[in-house]
Each structure stands twice: as structure tokens, then as C-alpha cells.
């Protein structure tokens, strides 16, 4: 993964998944999905602790989408291991 992609990820820049898949190997993509899920959890937790819940519903929706993607990816990996 190039330094440019890492900097974009660290800056929370919007990067479409298709662009990322074209330059990142599948193993790294799985890690990035988990990192995105963890970051959303962290943001929601921080908002809850500070009682600043202005965009919580949007973040919760994003969290659910990321969770579903990670769940699907993990299920595919489990199927590969069984076969």
C-alpha cells in the first residue's frame, strides 16, 4: 500500500471502494474493512461519552454497513477454510 493511500485513510478522506481494490491486495482490504469498523465504533463511543449525538444516526448507519461487509468477508473466509 502506498504512503499516499495511508495518508488518505488517516485523514478520513472519502475513497471509493473500487479505487482501493485496484491498488490494494485482498488481505489488506480485509484489514482496512476491520479498521473502518473499529474507527466508527470509536467515534460513536466518543460521541456517547460526550453526549454530542448530532450525527449519531448517520454514523450508526455507516457502522451497520461496515459490519455487514466485514461479516460477509469473514463468512467467505470460513467457507474457503471448510472447502
C-alpha atoms as a PDB file:
ATOM      1  CA  UNK A   1       0.000   0.000   0.000  1.00  0.00           C
ATOM      2  CA  UNK A   2       1.458   3.339  -0.964  1.00  0.00           C
ATOM      3  CA  UNK A   3       2.102   6.136   1.506  1.00  0.00           C
ATOM      4  CA  UNK A   4      -0.458   8.258  -0.360  1.00  0.00           C
ATOM      5  CA  UNK A   5      -3.225   5.739   0.394  1.00  0.00           C
ATOM      6  CA  UNK A   6      -2.201   5.530   4.043  1.00  0.00           C
ATOM      7  CA  UNK A   7      -2.329   9.319   4.339  1.00  0.00           C
ATOM      8  CA  UNK A   8      -5.775   9.389   2.735  1.00  0.00           C
ATOM      9  CA  UNK A   9      -7.011   6.738   5.138  1.00  0.00           C
ATOM     10  CA  UNK A  10      -5.569   8.554   8.134  1.00  0.00           C
ATOM     11  CA  UNK A  11      -7.210  11.804   7.028  1.00  0.00           C
ATOM     12  CA  UNK A  12     -10.627  10.083   6.776  1.00  0.00           C
ATOM     13  CA  UNK A  13     -10.806  11.094   3.105  1.00  0.00           C
ATOM     14  CA  UNK A  14     -13.600   9.598   1.071  1.00  0.00           C
ATOM     15  CA  UNK A  15     -12.122   6.895  -1.127  1.00  0.00           C
ATOM     16  CA  UNK A  16     -14.377   4.732  -3.218  1.00  0.00           C
ATOM     17  CA  UNK A  17     -14.014   1.017  -2.684  1.00  0.00           C
ATOM     18  CA  UNK A  18     -13.373   0.293  -6.376  1.00  0.00           C
ATOM     19  CA  UNK A  19     -10.324   2.588  -6.401  1.00  0.00           C
ATOM     20  CA  UNK A  20      -8.942   0.953  -3.279  1.00  0.00           C
ATOM     21  CA  UNK A  21      -9.448  -2.565  -4.625  1.00  0.00           C
ATOM     22  CA  UNK A  22      -7.487  -1.701  -7.747  1.00  0.00           C
ATOM     23  CA  UNK A  23      -4.301  -0.964  -5.757  1.00  0.00           C
ATOM     24  CA  UNK A  24      -4.637  -2.961  -2.519  1.00  0.00           C
ATOM     25  CA  UNK A  25      -4.320  -6.713  -2.232  1.00  0.00           C
ATOM     26  CA  UNK A  26      -7.305  -8.683  -0.853  1.00  0.00           C
ATOM     27  CA  UNK A  27      -5.687  -9.360   2.520  1.00  0.00           C
ATOM     28  CA  UNK A  28      -5.013  -5.682   3.105  1.00  0.00           C
ATOM     29  CA  UNK A  29      -8.559  -4.852   2.025  1.00  0.00           C
ATOM     30  CA  UNK A  30      -9.917  -7.116   4.770  1.00  0.00           C
ATOM     31  CA  UNK A  31      -7.767  -5.354   7.334  1.00  0.00           C
ATOM     32  CA  UNK A  32      -8.969  -1.957   6.101  1.00  0.00           C
ATOM     33  CA  UNK A  33     -12.586  -3.060   6.466  1.00  0.00           C
ATOM     34  CA  UNK A  34     -11.969  -4.024  10.084  1.00  0.00           C
ATOM     35  CA  UNK A  35     -10.119  -0.764  10.752  1.00  0.00           C
ATOM     36  CA  UNK A  36     -13.028   1.234   9.316  1.00  0.00           C
ATOM     37  CA  UNK A  37     -15.439  -0.688  11.542  1.00  0.00           C
ATOM     38  CA  UNK A  38     -13.278  -0.049  14.606  1.00  0.00           C
ATOM     39  CA  UNK A  39     -12.973   3.667  13.790  1.00  0.00           C
ATOM     40  CA  UNK A  40     -16.743   4.026  13.540  1.00  0.00           C
ATOM     41  CA  UNK A  41     -17.154   2.260  16.889  1.00  0.00           C
ATOM     42  CA  UNK A  42     -14.587   4.578  18.430  1.00  0.00           C
ATOM     43  CA  UNK A  43     -16.314   7.680  17.034  1.00  0.00           C
ATOM     44  CA  UNK A  44     -19.729   6.581  18.269  1.00  0.00           C
ATOM     45  CA  UNK A  45     -18.337   5.762  21.697  1.00  0.00           C
ATOM     46  CA  UNK A  46     -16.677   9.187  21.929  1.00  0.00           C
ATOM     47  CA  UNK A  47     -19.919  10.905  20.921  1.00  0.00           C
ATOM     48  CA  UNK A  48     -21.847   8.951  23.519  1.00  0.00           C
ATOM     49  CA  UNK A  49     -19.384   9.788  26.269  1.00  0.00           C
ATOM     50  CA  UNK A  50     -19.502  13.492  25.386  1.00  0.00           C
ATOM     51  CA  UNK A  51     -23.296  13.498  24.853  1.00  0.00           C
ATOM     52  CA  UNK A  52     -22.793  15.057  21.397  1.00  0.00           C
ATOM     53  CA  UNK A  53     -25.041  12.911  19.279  1.00  0.00           C
ATOM     54  CA  UNK A  54     -25.769  15.214  16.323  1.00  0.00           C
ATOM     55  CA  UNK A  55     -24.773  12.774  13.547  1.00  0.00           C
ATOM     56  CA  UNK A  56     -25.060   9.528  15.501  1.00  0.00           C
ATOM     57  CA  UNK A  57     -27.760   8.065  13.279  1.00  0.00           C
ATOM     58  CA  UNK A  58     -25.602   8.582  10.202  1.00  0.00           C
ATOM     59  CA  UNK A  59     -22.590   7.007  11.919  1.00  0.00           C
ATOM     60  CA  UNK A  60     -24.729   4.143  13.168  1.00  0.00           C
ATOM     61  CA  UNK A  61     -25.927   3.509   9.618  1.00  0.00           C
ATOM     62  CA  UNK A  62     -22.318   3.512   8.381  1.00  0.00           C
ATOM     63  CA  UNK A  63     -21.368   1.199  11.247  1.00  0.00           C
ATOM     64  CA  UNK A  64     -24.062  -1.268  10.257  1.00  0.00           C
ATOM     65  CA  UNK A  65     -22.927  -1.213   6.608  1.00  0.00           C
ATOM     66  CA  UNK A  66     -19.295  -1.772   7.577  1.00  0.00           C
ATOM     67  CA  UNK A  67     -20.309  -4.551   9.963  1.00  0.00           C
ATOM     68  CA  UNK A  68     -22.237  -6.311   7.185  1.00  0.00           C
ATOM     69  CA  UNK A  69     -19.248  -6.046   4.848  1.00  0.00           C
ATOM     70  CA  UNK A  70     -16.864  -7.451   7.465  1.00  0.00           C
ATOM     71  CA  UNK A  71     -19.325 -10.214   8.360  1.00  0.00           C
ATOM     72  CA  UNK A  72     -19.687 -11.207   4.695  1.00  0.00           C
ATOM     73  CA  UNK A  73     -15.918 -11.195   4.202  1.00  0.00           C
ATOM     74  CA  UNK A  74     -15.377 -13.374   7.274  1.00  0.00           C
ATOM     75  CA  UNK A  75     -18.103 -15.798   6.228  1.00  0.00           C
ATOM     76  CA  UNK A  76     -16.445 -16.175   2.805  1.00  0.00           C
ATOM     77  CA  UNK A  77     -13.122 -16.908   4.523  1.00  0.00           C
ATOM     78  CA  UNK A  78     -14.750 -19.565   6.707  1.00  0.00           C
ATOM     79  CA  UNK A  79     -16.256 -21.241   3.653  1.00  0.00           C
ATOM     80  CA  UNK A  80     -12.836 -21.273   1.956  1.00  0.00           C
ATOM     81  CA  UNK A  81     -11.312 -22.963   5.017  1.00  0.00           C
ATOM     82  CA  UNK A  82     -14.025 -25.636   5.131  1.00  0.00           C
ATOM     83  CA  UNK A  83     -13.676 -26.456   1.444  1.00  0.00           C
END
